[in-house]
């Protein structure tokens, strides 16, 4: 065929194909080739999976986002508990709040790790399948549909020439065109069958590969969940006995404070009471001793003192100081140095102390 004639044929086929698709779209097309059941099922599968796959990976993304929000709230709660625990410094309650807050922060870290693994194992593989493998499947579907439409166009053209040839059997040109149409239809049918086979095989492989990959990803996801649960259980296993011990310590602390309070209110025990009375008696005795000593000293200071001479006559100190002058003060001070007087003073002092 000349280039111009080939272009004309191609343009004619192009418009015929557009018209056929338009008729199929509005439901008025005739002589539409029915695809084999396996092809029809594959086409329906591709369309349904294409519609539902985005829903799956978007829901996974929403789940991950919700975990991240929960972790943020958990961190805020932990920080609040840590700040609140400072109001009970040095008590089992402070230790309890601090340990719970620290454990919550550890669980939040595990939750974030799990969220990251969910995204990596479920979200990204599903989105990749939607953006690449399903895109390839849709290209195969469109190619198969194009082969079917071309076959329908050729079949309709062949039938149209056959009808014309019946009306004009002597027309050799129509006979030649009919033969060409038959040959073209045979070629289109062979191409359609080949593309159907390729389409079915490729789509089956895409489904199998994706299934193998996603089952592997889901298995790893389950392993991550089990590992996450195990670590949470370990944290709780470490925390629970500790809090139980703190509970006992707090009860004992309350009993001790109650006992101290009662000791300040109730009478002392007999031994403690005797010890306290003994201490009080000793304090009172010492105070009395000091008072008596002070009184005795004051009395001794008020007594006259004498100094004796060789003749054992007593001369007032004032007289000695004044060389015979008898102008005494209202309260003369005397000096007496005899041993007898000293003994008398000592006896008086001992009697006073007794």
Protein backbone atom coordinates (compact mmCIF):
# COMPACT_ATOMS: atom_id res chain seq x y z
CA UNK A 1 0.00 0.00 0.00
CA UNK A 2 1.09 3.54 -0.76
CA UNK A 3 1.79 5.78 2.21
CA UNK A 4 -1.23 7.96 1.52
CA UNK A 5 -3.54 4.97 1.29
CA UNK A 6 -2.08 3.47 4.48
CA UNK A 7 -2.72 6.73 6.31
CA UNK A 8 -6.29 6.75 5.04
CA UNK A 9 -6.88 3.21 6.27
CA UNK A 10 -5.38 4.01 9.68
CA UNK A 11 -7.50 7.14 10.02
CA UNK A 12 -10.57 5.18 9.07
CA UNK A 13 -9.75 2.54 11.68
CA UNK A 14 -9.09 5.24 14.28
CA UNK A 15 -12.48 6.89 13.83
CA UNK A 16 -14.18 3.51 13.66
CA UNK A 17 -12.59 2.54 16.96
CA UNK A 18 -13.68 5.81 18.60
CA UNK A 19 -17.21 5.31 17.36
CA UNK A 20 -17.29 1.73 18.65
CA UNK A 21 -16.18 2.79 22.13
CA UNK A 22 -18.71 5.58 22.14
CA UNK A 23 -21.50 3.17 21.24
CA UNK A 24 -20.35 0.76 23.96
CA UNK A 25 -20.33 3.60 26.41
CA UNK A 26 -23.95 4.52 25.76
CA UNK A 27 -25.00 0.87 25.37
CA UNK A 28 -25.98 0.85 21.68
CA UNK A 29 -23.03 -1.08 20.29
CA UNK A 30 -23.77 -4.31 18.38
CA UNK A 31 -21.67 -7.39 17.77
CA UNK A 32 -19.55 -6.75 20.87
CA UNK A 33 -17.05 -9.54 21.45
CA UNK A 34 -17.48 -11.18 24.85
CA UNK A 35 -14.21 -11.63 26.71
CA UNK A 36 -13.40 -15.08 28.12
CA UNK A 37 -14.53 -15.57 31.75
CA UNK A 38 -11.00 -15.48 33.15
CA UNK A 39 -10.36 -12.18 31.35
CA UNK A 40 -13.64 -10.71 32.58
CA UNK A 41 -12.84 -11.75 36.15
CA UNK A 42 -9.35 -10.30 35.90
CA UNK A 43 -10.69 -7.00 34.62
CA UNK A 44 -13.19 -6.82 37.49
CA UNK A 45 -10.47 -7.69 40.00
CA UNK A 46 -8.22 -4.92 38.75
CA UNK A 47 -10.96 -2.35 38.96
CA UNK A 48 -12.08 -3.38 42.44
CA UNK A 49 -8.54 -3.57 43.80
CA UNK A 50 -7.73 -0.23 42.26
CA UNK A 51 -10.74 1.31 44.03
CA UNK A 52 -10.10 -0.32 47.42
CA UNK A 53 -6.32 -0.25 47.76
CA UNK A 54 -6.18 3.50 48.52
CA UNK A 55 -8.80 2.97 51.22
CA UNK A 56 -6.56 0.36 52.85
CA UNK A 57 -3.33 2.32 52.96
CA UNK A 58 -5.14 5.54 53.92
CA UNK A 59 -6.77 3.75 56.87
CA UNK A 60 -3.34 2.44 57.87
CA UNK A 61 -2.03 5.99 57.74
CA UNK A 62 -4.92 7.22 59.89
CA UNK A 63 -4.19 4.45 62.40
CA UNK A 64 -0.53 5.48 62.57
CA UNK A 65 -1.54 9.13 62.99
CA UNK A 66 -3.85 8.18 65.84
CA UNK A 67 -1.02 6.30 67.57
CA UNK A 68 1.21 9.35 67.24
CA UNK A 69 -1.49 11.56 68.79
CA UNK A 70 -1.97 9.07 71.64
CA UNK A 71 1.78 9.04 72.26
CA UNK A 72 1.80 12.84 72.42
CA UNK A 73 -0.97 12.81 75.03
CA UNK A 74 0.87 10.09 76.96
CA UNK A 75 4.05 12.18 77.02
CA UNK A 76 2.10 15.17 78.33
CA UNK A 77 0.56 13.02 81.05
CA UNK A 78 3.97 11.64 82.06
CA UNK A 79 5.50 15.10 82.33
CA UNK A 80 2.53 16.24 84.41
CA UNK A 81 2.93 13.28 86.77
CA UNK A 82 6.66 13.97 87.15
CA UNK A 83 5.98 17.60 88.03
CA UNK A 84 3.19 16.62 90.42
CA UNK A 85 5.38 14.06 92.18
CA UNK A 86 7.70 16.84 93.38
CA UNK A 87 4.97 17.95 95.78
CA UNK A 88 5.41 14.65 97.65
CA UNK A 89 9.21 14.58 97.76
CA UNK A 90 10.74 11.85 99.88
CA UNK A 91 7.59 9.72 100.07
CA UNK A 92 6.54 6.44 98.46
CA UNK A 93 3.86 8.39 96.60
CA UNK A 94 6.52 10.46 94.83
CA UNK A 95 8.39 7.31 93.84
CA UNK A 96 5.17 5.72 92.57
CA UNK A 97 4.27 8.70 90.40
CA UNK A 98 7.81 8.95 89.04
CA UNK A 99 8.02 5.25 88.15
CA UNK A 100 4.62 5.29 86.44
CA UNK A 101 5.58 8.39 84.46
CA UNK A 102 8.89 6.85 83.41
CA UNK A 103 7.17 3.61 82.40
CA UNK A 104 4.58 5.54 80.41
CA UNK A 105 7.35 7.37 78.53
CA UNK A 106 8.98 4.01 77.77
CA UNK A 107 5.66 2.62 76.50
CA UNK A 108 5.17 5.73 74.37
CA UNK A 109 8.58 5.14 72.80
CA UNK A 110 7.56 1.56 72.03
CA UNK A 111 4.29 2.83 70.53
CA UNK A 112 6.16 5.22 68.26
CA UNK A 113 8.45 2.39 67.15
CA UNK A 114 5.41 0.24 66.40
CA UNK A 115 3.76 3.08 64.45
CA UNK A 116 6.92 3.47 62.38
CA UNK A 117 6.97 -0.27 61.66
CA UNK A 118 3.29 -0.24 60.65
CA UNK A 119 4.00 2.52 58.17
CA UNK A 120 7.01 0.68 56.81
CA UNK A 121 5.37 -2.74 56.65
CA UNK A 122 1.81 -1.89 55.58
CA UNK A 123 1.40 1.67 54.37
CA UNK A 124 4.33 2.06 51.99
CA UNK A 125 4.08 -1.42 50.36
CA UNK A 126 0.36 -0.93 49.73
CA UNK A 127 0.89 2.52 48.29
CA UNK A 128 3.73 1.25 46.13
CA UNK A 129 1.51 -1.55 44.83
CA UNK A 130 -1.18 1.00 44.01
CA UNK A 131 1.21 3.39 42.26
CA UNK A 132 3.27 0.85 40.29
CA UNK A 133 1.86 -2.66 39.97
CA UNK A 134 -1.78 -1.62 39.66
CA UNK A 135 -0.74 1.01 37.17
CA UNK A 136 0.88 -1.72 35.07
CA UNK A 137 -2.25 -3.84 35.42
CA UNK A 138 -4.42 -0.96 34.23
CA UNK A 139 -2.15 -0.52 31.20
CA UNK A 140 -2.58 -4.23 30.40
CA UNK A 141 -6.35 -3.87 30.82
CA UNK A 142 -6.47 -0.89 28.46
CA UNK A 143 -4.34 -2.75 25.91
CA UNK A 144 -6.62 -5.77 26.09
CA UNK A 145 -9.67 -3.57 25.70
CA UNK A 146 -8.13 -1.86 22.70
CA UNK A 147 -7.47 -5.24 21.05
CA UNK A 148 -11.07 -6.25 21.62
CA UNK A 149 -12.45 -3.01 20.19
CA UNK A 150 -10.22 -3.36 17.12
CA UNK A 151 -11.48 -6.87 16.65
CA UNK A 152 -15.08 -5.67 16.89
CA UNK A 153 -14.39 -2.93 14.35
CA UNK A 154 -12.89 -5.46 11.93
CA UNK A 155 -15.76 -7.88 12.45
CA UNK A 156 -18.32 -5.17 11.83
CA UNK A 157 -16.47 -4.02 8.71
CA UNK A 158 -16.29 -7.58 7.40
CA UNK A 159 -20.00 -8.09 8.01
CA UNK A 160 -20.81 -4.81 6.34
CA UNK A 161 -18.84 -5.83 3.19
CA UNK A 162 -20.52 -9.22 3.19
CA UNK A 163 -23.93 -7.56 3.22
CA UNK A 164 -22.92 -5.30 0.36
CA UNK A 165 -21.53 -8.22 -1.61
CA UNK A 166 -24.81 -10.06 -1.23
CA UNK A 167 -26.56 -7.12 -2.74
CA UNK A 168 -23.95 -6.81 -5.54
CA UNK A 169 -22.30 -10.20 -6.03
CA UNK A 170 -20.73 -9.25 -9.34
CA UNK A 171 -18.66 -6.47 -7.81
CA UNK A 172 -15.11 -7.78 -7.79
CA UNK A 173 -13.86 -4.84 -5.80
CA UNK A 174 -16.25 -5.65 -2.97
CA UNK A 175 -15.10 -9.24 -3.17
CA UNK A 176 -11.50 -8.19 -2.87
CA UNK A 177 -12.26 -5.82 0.04
CA UNK A 178 -14.22 -8.59 1.76
CA UNK A 179 -11.24 -10.92 1.50
CA UNK A 180 -8.98 -8.22 2.92
CA UNK A 181 -11.46 -7.61 5.76
CA UNK A 182 -11.54 -11.30 6.56
CA UNK A 183 -7.75 -11.42 6.68
CA UNK A 184 -7.70 -8.31 8.90
CA UNK A 185 -10.31 -9.82 11.18
CA UNK A 186 -8.27 -12.98 11.48
CA UNK A 187 -5.19 -10.96 12.37
CA UNK A 188 -7.13 -8.90 14.93
CA UNK A 189 -8.54 -12.06 16.49
CA UNK A 190 -5.09 -13.59 16.76
CA UNK A 191 -3.77 -10.38 18.30
CA UNK A 192 -6.73 -10.29 20.68
CA UNK A 193 -6.14 -13.85 21.78
CA UNK A 194 -2.44 -13.22 22.27
CA UNK A 195 -3.04 -10.08 24.30
CA UNK A 196 -5.67 -11.86 26.39
CA UNK A 197 -3.15 -14.56 27.23
CA UNK A 198 -0.45 -12.02 28.07
CA UNK A 199 -2.87 -9.95 30.09
CA UNK A 200 -4.06 -12.92 32.12
CA UNK A 201 -0.54 -14.23 32.76
CA UNK A 202 0.89 -10.85 33.73
CA UNK A 203 -2.01 -9.97 35.97
CA UNK A 204 -1.82 -13.37 37.68
CA UNK A 205 1.88 -12.81 38.29
CA UNK A 206 1.28 -9.33 39.66
CA UNK A 207 -1.34 -10.69 42.07
CA UNK A 208 0.89 -13.57 43.16
CA UNK A 209 3.97 -11.41 43.69
CA UNK A 210 1.96 -8.82 45.59
CA UNK A 211 0.32 -11.51 47.70
CA UNK A 212 3.68 -13.05 48.58
CA UNK A 213 5.13 -9.65 49.46
CA UNK A 214 2.15 -8.45 51.50
CA UNK A 215 1.83 -11.72 53.42
CA UNK A 216 5.51 -11.36 54.29
CA UNK A 217 4.92 -7.77 55.40
CA UNK A 218 1.89 -8.72 57.49
CA UNK A 219 3.86 -11.52 59.12
CA UNK A 220 6.57 -9.02 60.09
CA UNK A 221 3.85 -6.70 61.33
CA UNK A 222 2.46 -9.45 63.58
CA UNK A 223 5.98 -10.15 64.83
CA UNK A 224 6.36 -6.46 65.65
CA UNK A 225 3.05 -6.44 67.52
CA UNK A 226 4.02 -9.53 69.51
CA UNK A 227 7.42 -8.04 70.32
CA UNK A 228 5.78 -4.76 71.29
CA UNK A 229 3.32 -6.56 73.57
CA UNK A 230 6.16 -8.56 75.14
CA UNK A 231 8.12 -5.43 75.93
CA UNK A 232 5.02 -3.76 77.39
CA UNK A 233 4.43 -6.84 79.52
CA UNK A 234 8.05 -6.71 80.70
CA UNK A 235 7.68 -3.07 81.71
CA UNK A 236 4.47 -3.81 83.58
CA UNK A 237 6.06 -6.85 85.20
CA UNK A 238 8.85 -4.66 86.53
CA UNK A 239 6.57 -1.83 87.59
CA UNK A 240 3.82 -3.77 89.37
CA UNK A 241 5.96 -5.39 92.13
CA UNK A 242 7.73 -2.09 92.70
CA UNK A 243 4.46 -0.21 93.16
CA UNK A 244 3.18 -3.00 95.42
CA UNK A 245 6.26 -2.58 97.62
CA UNK A 246 5.78 1.19 97.64
CA UNK A 247 2.19 0.63 98.72
CA UNK A 248 3.37 -1.40 101.72
CA UNK A 249 5.97 1.22 102.58
CA UNK A 250 3.35 3.94 102.39
CA UNK A 251 1.05 2.00 104.76
CA UNK A 252 3.92 1.52 107.21
CA UNK A 253 4.79 5.20 106.96
CA UNK A 254 1.18 6.09 107.78
CA UNK A 255 1.21 3.79 110.82
CA UNK A 256 4.48 5.33 112.07
CA UNK A 257 3.09 8.84 111.76
CA UNK A 258 -0.09 7.79 113.55
CA UNK A 259 1.97 6.21 116.34
CA UNK A 260 4.03 9.37 116.72
CA UNK A 261 0.87 11.41 116.91
CA UNK A 262 -0.59 9.10 119.56
CA UNK A 263 2.63 9.21 121.58
CA UNK A 264 2.28 12.96 121.81
CA UNK A 265 -1.30 12.64 123.06
CA UNK A 266 -1.48 9.45 125.19
CA UNK A 267 0.38 8.95 128.56
CA UNK A 268 3.85 7.51 128.40
CA UNK A 269 4.54 3.90 129.23
CA UNK A 270 5.63 3.11 132.82
CA UNK A 271 9.34 2.82 131.97
CA UNK A 272 9.36 6.00 129.90
CA UNK A 273 7.33 7.76 132.59
CA UNK A 274 9.77 6.75 135.35
CA UNK A 275 12.71 7.85 133.27
CA UNK A 276 11.09 11.21 132.61
CA UNK A 277 10.22 11.68 136.32
CA UNK A 278 13.80 10.83 137.26
CA UNK A 279 15.13 13.45 134.86
CA UNK A 280 12.66 16.03 136.17
CA UNK A 281 13.64 15.22 139.80
CA UNK A 282 17.33 15.62 139.00
CA UNK A 283 16.68 18.94 137.32
CA UNK A 284 14.62 20.17 140.26
CA UNK A 285 17.29 18.99 142.75
CA UNK A 286 20.02 20.80 140.84
CA UNK A 287 17.93 23.95 140.74
CA UNK A 288 17.33 23.72 144.53
CA UNK A 289 21.07 23.19 145.12
CA UNK A 290 21.88 26.27 143.08
CA UNK A 291 19.25 28.35 144.92
CA UNK A 292 20.48 27.20 148.36
CA UNK A 293 24.08 27.89 147.40
CA UNK A 294 23.13 31.35 146.22
CA UNK A 295 21.15 32.08 149.43
CA UNK A 296 24.00 30.85 151.63
CA UNK A 297 26.49 33.00 149.78
CA UNK A 298 24.26 36.04 150.22
CA UNK A 299 23.97 35.37 153.98
CA UNK A 300 27.70 34.88 154.35
CA UNK A 301 28.36 38.12 152.61
CA UNK A 302 26.04 39.91 155.09
CA UNK A 303 27.77 38.53 158.25
CA UNK A 304 30.49 40.64 160.06
CA UNK A 305 34.04 39.32 159.87
CA UNK A 306 36.76 39.69 162.49
CA UNK A 307 40.51 39.59 162.69
CA UNK A 308 41.99 38.40 166.03
CA UNK A 309 45.28 39.51 167.55
CA UNK A 310 47.77 37.63 169.60
CA UNK A 311 45.75 38.23 172.77
CA UNK A 312 42.64 36.70 171.16
CA UNK A 313 40.80 39.96 171.36
CA UNK A 314 38.67 40.88 168.38
CA UNK A 315 39.23 44.14 166.70
CA UNK A 316 36.76 45.36 164.03
CA UNK A 317 38.34 45.68 160.62
CA UNK A 318 37.08 49.22 160.33
CA UNK A 319 38.93 50.12 163.52
CA UNK A 320 42.12 48.60 162.18
CA UNK A 321 41.80 50.50 158.95
CA UNK A 322 41.12 53.80 160.76
CA UNK A 323 44.03 53.34 163.26
CA UNK A 324 41.84 53.59 166.27
CA UNK A 325 39.18 55.81 164.74
CA UNK A 326 35.73 54.59 165.83
CA UNK A 327 33.75 56.17 163.01
CA UNK A 328 32.19 52.98 161.67
CA UNK A 329 29.97 52.56 158.66
CA UNK A 330 26.35 51.55 159.03
CA UNK A 331 27.34 48.03 158.03
CA UNK A 332 30.94 47.42 159.28
CA UNK A 333 32.99 44.71 157.65
CA UNK A 334 34.93 42.50 160.09
CA UNK A 335 37.76 40.03 159.68
CA UNK A 336 38.16 37.01 161.97
CA UNK A 337 41.01 34.64 161.33
CA UNK A 338 40.86 32.22 164.24
CA UNK A 339 40.52 28.52 163.42
CA UNK A 340 37.56 28.20 165.71
CA UNK A 341 35.57 30.78 163.78
CA UNK A 342 36.42 29.13 160.49
CA UNK A 343 35.19 25.80 161.81
CA UNK A 344 31.94 27.35 162.91
CA UNK A 345 31.44 28.85 159.46
CA UNK A 346 32.04 25.52 157.78
CA UNK A 347 29.53 23.79 160.08
CA UNK A 348 26.92 26.43 159.30
CA UNK A 349 27.58 26.01 155.58
CA UNK A 350 27.14 22.22 155.78
CA UNK A 351 23.92 22.60 157.79
CA UNK A 352 22.61 25.02 155.22
CA UNK A 353 23.41 22.66 152.36
CA UNK A 354 21.66 19.81 154.21
